[in-house]
């Protein structure tokens, strides 16, 4: 990497973080001060495209080079299938592990849905009038998250994937090695979300076990695991659409296990049952570490 390319890499982080944090803070202020959820959601979408914009500005404007990202649809079918269905498998395994550790927190009484519908109807009324139960909610939303949502969510996810996996990770791995590069990449990606977590309780809420420090740390662990698997998908296919699909699939399915706990147990979200909890992330983390160590052994 030349001196100017190193400058461009530093500039990438400045732009990717600077623009994203402006969007995050602006969106959070709109939500907190004006109760404007629409503007908040738009700010989140804009945030996701900041890494891609940073790549374009650095490579096309500052360095005047090709972006070097694989846009062509290619790669073996098994990696596309892993991207599409893998997040659902890890979500299921994480939830099973969490409830194996805390079986008393498994709740089929529909209490989470009662709270989600504003508490205006009890569980029996929800079932009789709206046809909503824990099982129906899981089936309906689970099928959508597995079958359709990856194809929809991959478009905003592409903004992040182009920056993190397409541009950042190859350079970090070249500089620090496979394991250290993925570790650092996961931490960078995790810290990038911190303003949302600190201001509006993104992912874990504002009142949870060990808040806010534990959530910030656990989120970086989650980002390391997910970053590793997304990076591996890009390595194996050379197609940025594959990790974008996996990213979109994860965003669609990750919150689903929350319906199986009571609202009071949301205090323990930092542990699970969503795959972003310290316990429920363990299956994904184990696979990420195992595959990385296997790659390192093969390279030696």
Protein backbone atom coordinates (compact mmCIF):
# COMPACT_ATOMS: atom_id res chain seq x y z
CA UNK A 1 0.00 0.00 0.00
CA UNK A 2 1.52 3.34 -1.09
CA UNK A 3 1.67 6.39 1.16
CA UNK A 4 -1.25 7.99 -0.66
CA UNK A 5 -3.27 4.79 -0.42
CA UNK A 6 -2.62 4.76 3.33
CA UNK A 7 -3.89 8.32 3.47
CA UNK A 8 -6.93 7.23 1.51
CA UNK A 9 -7.58 4.38 3.95
CA UNK A 10 -7.47 6.82 6.87
CA UNK A 11 -9.74 9.17 4.95
CA UNK A 12 -12.19 6.32 4.42
CA UNK A 13 -12.64 5.88 8.16
CA UNK A 14 -12.98 9.62 8.70
CA UNK A 15 -15.77 9.83 6.12
CA UNK A 16 -17.49 6.56 7.01
CA UNK A 17 -17.60 7.44 10.70
CA UNK A 18 -18.09 11.20 10.38
CA UNK A 19 -21.06 11.08 8.02
CA UNK A 20 -22.63 8.07 9.74
CA UNK A 21 -22.36 9.57 13.21
CA UNK A 22 -23.91 12.82 11.95
CA UNK A 23 -26.82 10.81 10.54
CA UNK A 24 -27.12 8.74 13.71
CA UNK A 25 -27.10 11.72 16.07
CA UNK A 26 -29.49 13.67 13.84
CA UNK A 27 -31.90 10.74 13.60
CA UNK A 28 -31.75 10.14 17.35
CA UNK A 29 -32.45 13.79 18.10
CA UNK A 30 -35.44 13.70 15.75
CA UNK A 31 -36.77 10.70 17.62
CA UNK A 32 -36.03 11.95 21.12
CA UNK A 33 -37.02 15.59 20.73
CA UNK A 34 -39.64 15.54 17.97
CA UNK A 35 -40.91 11.95 18.31
CA UNK A 36 -40.33 11.69 14.56
CA UNK A 37 -39.88 7.96 13.96
CA UNK A 38 -39.99 8.35 10.17
CA UNK A 39 -37.04 10.74 10.12
CA UNK A 40 -35.20 8.45 12.49
CA UNK A 41 -35.68 5.47 10.17
CA UNK A 42 -34.57 7.51 7.17
CA UNK A 43 -31.46 8.53 9.08
CA UNK A 44 -30.71 4.86 9.79
CA UNK A 45 -31.02 4.02 6.09
CA UNK A 46 -28.74 6.94 5.19
CA UNK A 47 -26.25 5.71 7.81
CA UNK A 48 -26.00 2.33 6.10
CA UNK A 49 -24.89 3.94 2.83
CA UNK A 50 -22.11 6.05 4.41
CA UNK A 51 -19.41 3.33 4.08
CA UNK A 52 -20.19 2.94 0.36
CA UNK A 53 -20.08 6.70 -0.11
CA UNK A 54 -16.74 6.80 1.70
CA UNK A 55 -15.32 4.16 -0.65
CA UNK A 56 -16.47 6.08 -3.73
CA UNK A 57 -15.05 9.39 -2.48
CA UNK A 58 -11.70 7.86 -1.56
CA UNK A 59 -11.19 5.61 -4.57
CA UNK A 60 -12.81 7.67 -7.31
CA UNK A 61 -12.12 11.23 -6.14
CA UNK A 62 -9.05 11.10 -3.89
CA UNK A 63 -7.08 8.22 -5.46
CA UNK A 64 -8.74 8.13 -8.88
CA UNK A 65 -8.68 4.33 -8.85
CA UNK A 66 -11.28 1.60 -9.38
CA UNK A 67 -13.15 0.74 -6.20
CA UNK A 68 -11.92 -2.85 -6.42
CA UNK A 69 -15.18 -4.38 -5.19
CA UNK A 70 -16.67 -7.50 -6.78
CA UNK A 71 -20.09 -6.49 -8.13
CA UNK A 72 -20.45 -9.37 -10.59
CA UNK A 73 -22.96 -12.05 -9.58
CA UNK A 74 -20.84 -15.16 -9.11
CA UNK A 75 -19.85 -17.79 -6.56
CA UNK A 76 -20.88 -21.35 -5.82
CA UNK A 77 -24.49 -22.03 -4.93
CA UNK A 78 -23.69 -23.33 -1.46
CA UNK A 79 -22.34 -19.93 -0.39
CA UNK A 80 -25.47 -18.16 -1.63
CA UNK A 81 -27.58 -20.67 0.29
CA UNK A 82 -25.44 -20.20 3.39
CA UNK A 83 -25.91 -16.43 3.12
CA UNK A 84 -29.67 -16.76 2.69
CA UNK A 85 -30.43 -19.34 5.40
CA UNK A 86 -27.39 -19.26 7.68
CA UNK A 87 -28.60 -16.33 9.83
CA UNK A 88 -31.85 -18.17 10.56
CA UNK A 89 -29.89 -21.25 11.65
CA UNK A 90 -27.67 -19.23 13.99
CA UNK A 91 -30.69 -17.40 15.37
CA UNK A 92 -32.40 -20.71 16.15
CA UNK A 93 -29.27 -22.23 17.71
CA UNK A 94 -28.67 -19.13 19.81
CA UNK A 95 -32.23 -19.11 21.11
CA UNK A 96 -32.11 -22.82 21.94
CA UNK A 97 -28.85 -22.33 23.83
CA UNK A 98 -30.20 -19.33 25.75
CA UNK A 99 -33.37 -21.11 26.86
CA UNK A 100 -31.35 -24.20 27.75
CA UNK A 101 -29.40 -22.01 30.17
CA UNK A 102 -32.48 -20.05 31.34
CA UNK A 103 -35.49 -22.36 30.81
CA UNK A 104 -37.67 -20.32 33.18
CA UNK A 105 -37.54 -17.37 30.79
CA UNK A 106 -39.21 -19.25 27.94
CA UNK A 107 -42.71 -17.76 27.71
CA UNK A 108 -45.57 -18.90 25.46
CA UNK A 109 -48.23 -16.80 27.20
CA UNK A 110 -48.13 -14.13 24.48
CA UNK A 111 -47.17 -11.46 27.04
CA UNK A 112 -44.61 -9.87 24.72
CA UNK A 113 -47.20 -9.55 21.96
CA UNK A 114 -49.76 -8.13 24.39
CA UNK A 115 -47.24 -5.41 25.27
CA UNK A 116 -46.32 -4.89 21.61
CA UNK A 117 -50.00 -4.24 20.77
CA UNK A 118 -50.14 -1.55 23.42
CA UNK A 119 -51.67 -3.65 26.19
CA UNK A 120 -55.19 -2.85 24.95
CA UNK A 121 -56.06 -6.52 24.40
CA UNK A 122 -55.16 -9.58 26.41
CA UNK A 123 -53.75 -12.76 24.88
CA UNK A 124 -57.16 -14.38 24.44
CA UNK A 125 -58.55 -11.31 22.65
CA UNK A 126 -55.53 -11.17 20.38
CA UNK A 127 -56.12 -14.78 19.35
CA UNK A 128 -59.89 -14.50 18.92
CA UNK A 129 -60.11 -11.11 17.18
CA UNK A 130 -56.80 -10.79 15.34
CA UNK A 131 -55.72 -14.40 15.10
CA UNK A 132 -52.40 -13.48 16.70
CA UNK A 133 -50.59 -15.92 18.97
CA UNK A 134 -46.97 -16.64 19.76
CA UNK A 135 -46.95 -19.53 17.28
CA UNK A 136 -48.72 -17.63 14.49
CA UNK A 137 -46.39 -14.65 14.94
CA UNK A 138 -43.30 -16.85 14.81
CA UNK A 139 -44.51 -18.72 11.73
CA UNK A 140 -45.65 -15.67 9.79
CA UNK A 141 -42.70 -13.44 10.55
CA UNK A 142 -40.22 -16.31 10.46
CA UNK A 143 -41.28 -17.38 6.98
CA UNK A 144 -41.11 -13.80 5.72
CA UNK A 145 -37.69 -13.30 7.31
CA UNK A 146 -36.31 -16.48 5.75
CA UNK A 147 -37.96 -16.42 2.31
CA UNK A 148 -38.41 -12.80 1.23
CA UNK A 149 -36.64 -10.42 3.60
CA UNK A 150 -33.04 -11.26 2.56
CA UNK A 151 -33.77 -10.12 -0.99
CA UNK A 152 -35.35 -6.88 0.26
CA UNK A 153 -32.88 -6.06 3.00
CA UNK A 154 -29.78 -6.72 0.92
CA UNK A 155 -30.11 -3.34 -0.84
CA UNK A 156 -29.57 -1.11 2.22
CA UNK A 157 -27.14 -3.70 3.62
CA UNK A 158 -25.07 -3.35 0.44
CA UNK A 159 -24.07 0.16 1.55
CA UNK A 160 -22.32 -1.28 4.58
CA UNK A 161 -20.99 -4.40 2.87
CA UNK A 162 -19.26 -2.45 0.11
CA UNK A 163 -17.41 -0.43 2.72
CA UNK A 164 -16.69 -2.95 5.46
CA UNK A 165 -16.26 -6.24 3.65
CA UNK A 166 -15.50 -4.97 0.13
CA UNK A 167 -13.01 -2.24 1.02
CA UNK A 168 -11.97 -2.34 4.69
CA UNK A 169 -11.43 -6.03 5.36
CA UNK A 170 -8.98 -6.86 2.53
CA UNK A 171 -6.76 -4.00 3.70
CA UNK A 172 -6.95 -4.86 7.39
CA UNK A 173 -6.12 -8.51 6.68
CA UNK A 174 -3.19 -7.52 4.46
CA UNK A 175 -1.84 -5.28 7.24
CA UNK A 176 -2.60 -7.29 10.41
CA UNK A 177 -3.19 -10.87 9.26
CA UNK A 178 -6.35 -12.93 9.05
CA UNK A 179 -7.34 -13.24 12.72
CA UNK A 180 -6.20 -9.82 13.90
CA UNK A 181 -7.70 -8.17 10.83
CA UNK A 182 -11.08 -9.76 11.49
CA UNK A 183 -10.91 -8.90 15.18
CA UNK A 184 -10.10 -5.29 14.44
CA UNK A 185 -12.70 -5.13 11.69
CA UNK A 186 -15.36 -6.41 14.07
CA UNK A 187 -14.47 -3.82 16.70
CA UNK A 188 -14.49 -1.01 14.13
CA UNK A 189 -17.88 -2.08 12.85
CA UNK A 190 -19.21 -2.36 16.40
CA UNK A 191 -17.95 1.07 17.50
CA UNK A 192 -19.52 2.59 14.39
CA UNK A 193 -22.94 1.78 15.94
CA UNK A 194 -22.20 3.20 19.39
CA UNK A 195 -23.98 6.59 19.07
CA UNK A 196 -27.26 4.79 18.33
CA UNK A 197 -26.75 2.47 21.27
CA UNK A 198 -25.90 5.23 23.71
CA UNK A 199 -28.58 7.70 22.62
CA UNK A 200 -31.66 5.53 21.94
CA UNK A 201 -30.75 2.07 23.16
CA UNK A 202 -30.25 0.52 19.73
CA UNK A 203 -30.30 -3.31 19.94
CA UNK A 204 -30.47 -3.77 23.75
CA UNK A 205 -32.62 -0.88 24.96
CA UNK A 206 -31.58 1.60 27.63
CA UNK A 207 -32.33 -0.39 30.79
CA UNK A 208 -30.53 -3.72 30.69
CA UNK A 209 -28.01 -5.74 32.64
CA UNK A 210 -24.69 -3.87 32.77
CA UNK A 211 -25.95 -0.90 30.75
CA UNK A 212 -24.44 0.79 28.89
CA UNK A 213 -20.89 -0.63 29.02
CA UNK A 214 -21.75 -4.33 28.76
CA UNK A 215 -23.91 -3.74 25.70
CA UNK A 216 -21.13 -1.85 23.91
CA UNK A 217 -18.66 -4.67 24.57
CA UNK A 218 -21.05 -7.51 23.69
CA UNK A 219 -22.03 -5.74 20.50
CA UNK A 220 -18.37 -5.67 19.40
CA UNK A 221 -18.16 -9.42 20.07
CA UNK A 222 -21.27 -9.94 17.94
CA UNK A 223 -19.83 -7.75 15.20
CA UNK A 224 -16.59 -9.73 15.23
CA UNK A 225 -18.48 -13.00 14.75
CA UNK A 226 -20.74 -11.63 12.04
CA UNK A 227 -17.95 -9.70 10.35
CA UNK A 228 -15.89 -12.90 10.15
CA UNK A 229 -18.67 -14.89 8.48
CA UNK A 230 -19.57 -12.08 6.08
CA UNK A 231 -15.90 -11.62 5.20
CA UNK A 232 -15.57 -15.33 4.57
CA UNK A 233 -18.57 -15.29 2.22
CA UNK A 234 -16.99 -12.45 0.26
CA UNK A 235 -13.64 -14.24 0.16
CA UNK A 236 -15.22 -17.42 -1.20
CA UNK A 237 -17.37 -15.76 -3.86
CA UNK A 238 -15.74 -12.45 -4.77
CA UNK A 239 -19.30 -11.13 -4.98
CA UNK A 240 -20.37 -8.37 -2.59
CA UNK A 241 -24.04 -9.30 -3.05
CA UNK A 242 -23.52 -12.51 -1.09
CA UNK A 243 -22.56 -10.89 2.25
CA UNK A 244 -25.22 -8.25 1.57
CA UNK A 245 -27.83 -11.00 1.44
CA UNK A 246 -26.51 -12.54 4.66
CA UNK A 247 -26.47 -9.13 6.36
CA UNK A 248 -30.03 -8.47 5.24
CA UNK A 249 -31.16 -11.91 6.37
CA UNK A 250 -29.60 -11.37 9.80
CA UNK A 251 -31.31 -8.01 10.19
CA UNK A 252 -34.64 -9.63 9.33
CA UNK A 253 -34.50 -12.64 11.65
CA UNK A 254 -32.45 -11.50 14.63
CA UNK A 255 -35.25 -9.93 16.69
CA UNK A 256 -37.70 -12.82 16.29
CA UNK A 257 -36.76 -14.83 19.45
CA UNK A 258 -37.71 -11.84 21.59
CA UNK A 259 -41.37 -12.87 21.28
CA UNK A 260 -40.55 -15.87 23.49
CA UNK A 261 -39.73 -13.83 26.59
CA UNK A 262 -41.78 -11.58 28.87
CA UNK A 263 -41.34 -7.79 28.60
CA UNK A 264 -39.68 -7.83 32.04
CA UNK A 265 -37.00 -10.22 30.79
CA UNK A 266 -35.93 -7.68 28.17
CA UNK A 267 -33.60 -6.55 30.96
CA UNK A 268 -31.45 -9.55 29.97
CA UNK A 269 -31.43 -8.83 26.20
CA UNK A 270 -27.68 -8.35 26.41
CA UNK A 271 -27.47 -12.10 27.14
CA UNK A 272 -30.15 -13.35 24.70
CA UNK A 273 -32.32 -14.89 23.32
CA UNK A 274 -31.64 -12.83 20.19
CA UNK A 275 -28.36 -13.81 18.46
CA UNK A 276 -26.87 -10.47 19.54
CA UNK A 277 -26.76 -11.60 23.19
CA UNK A 278 -23.61 -12.77 24.95
CA UNK A 279 -24.94 -16.32 25.35
CA UNK A 280 -26.96 -16.65 22.17
CA UNK A 281 -24.11 -15.39 19.98
CA UNK A 282 -21.90 -18.31 21.07
CA UNK A 283 -22.86 -20.70 18.20
CA UNK A 284 -22.07 -18.02 15.61
CA UNK A 285 -18.91 -17.00 17.45
CA UNK A 286 -17.70 -20.60 17.68
CA UNK A 287 -18.17 -21.14 13.94
CA UNK A 288 -16.48 -17.82 13.13
CA UNK A 289 -13.44 -18.59 15.27
CA UNK A 290 -13.28 -22.21 14.09
CA UNK A 291 -13.35 -21.28 10.42
CA UNK A 292 -10.73 -18.58 10.91
CA UNK A 293 -8.38 -20.95 12.74
CA UNK A 294 -8.94 -23.55 10.01
CA UNK A 295 -8.03 -20.99 7.35
CA UNK A 296 -4.90 -20.01 9.25
CA UNK A 297 -3.86 -23.65 9.52
CA UNK A 298 -4.38 -24.18 5.80
CA UNK A 299 -2.32 -21.09 4.95
CA UNK A 300 0.55 -22.37 7.08
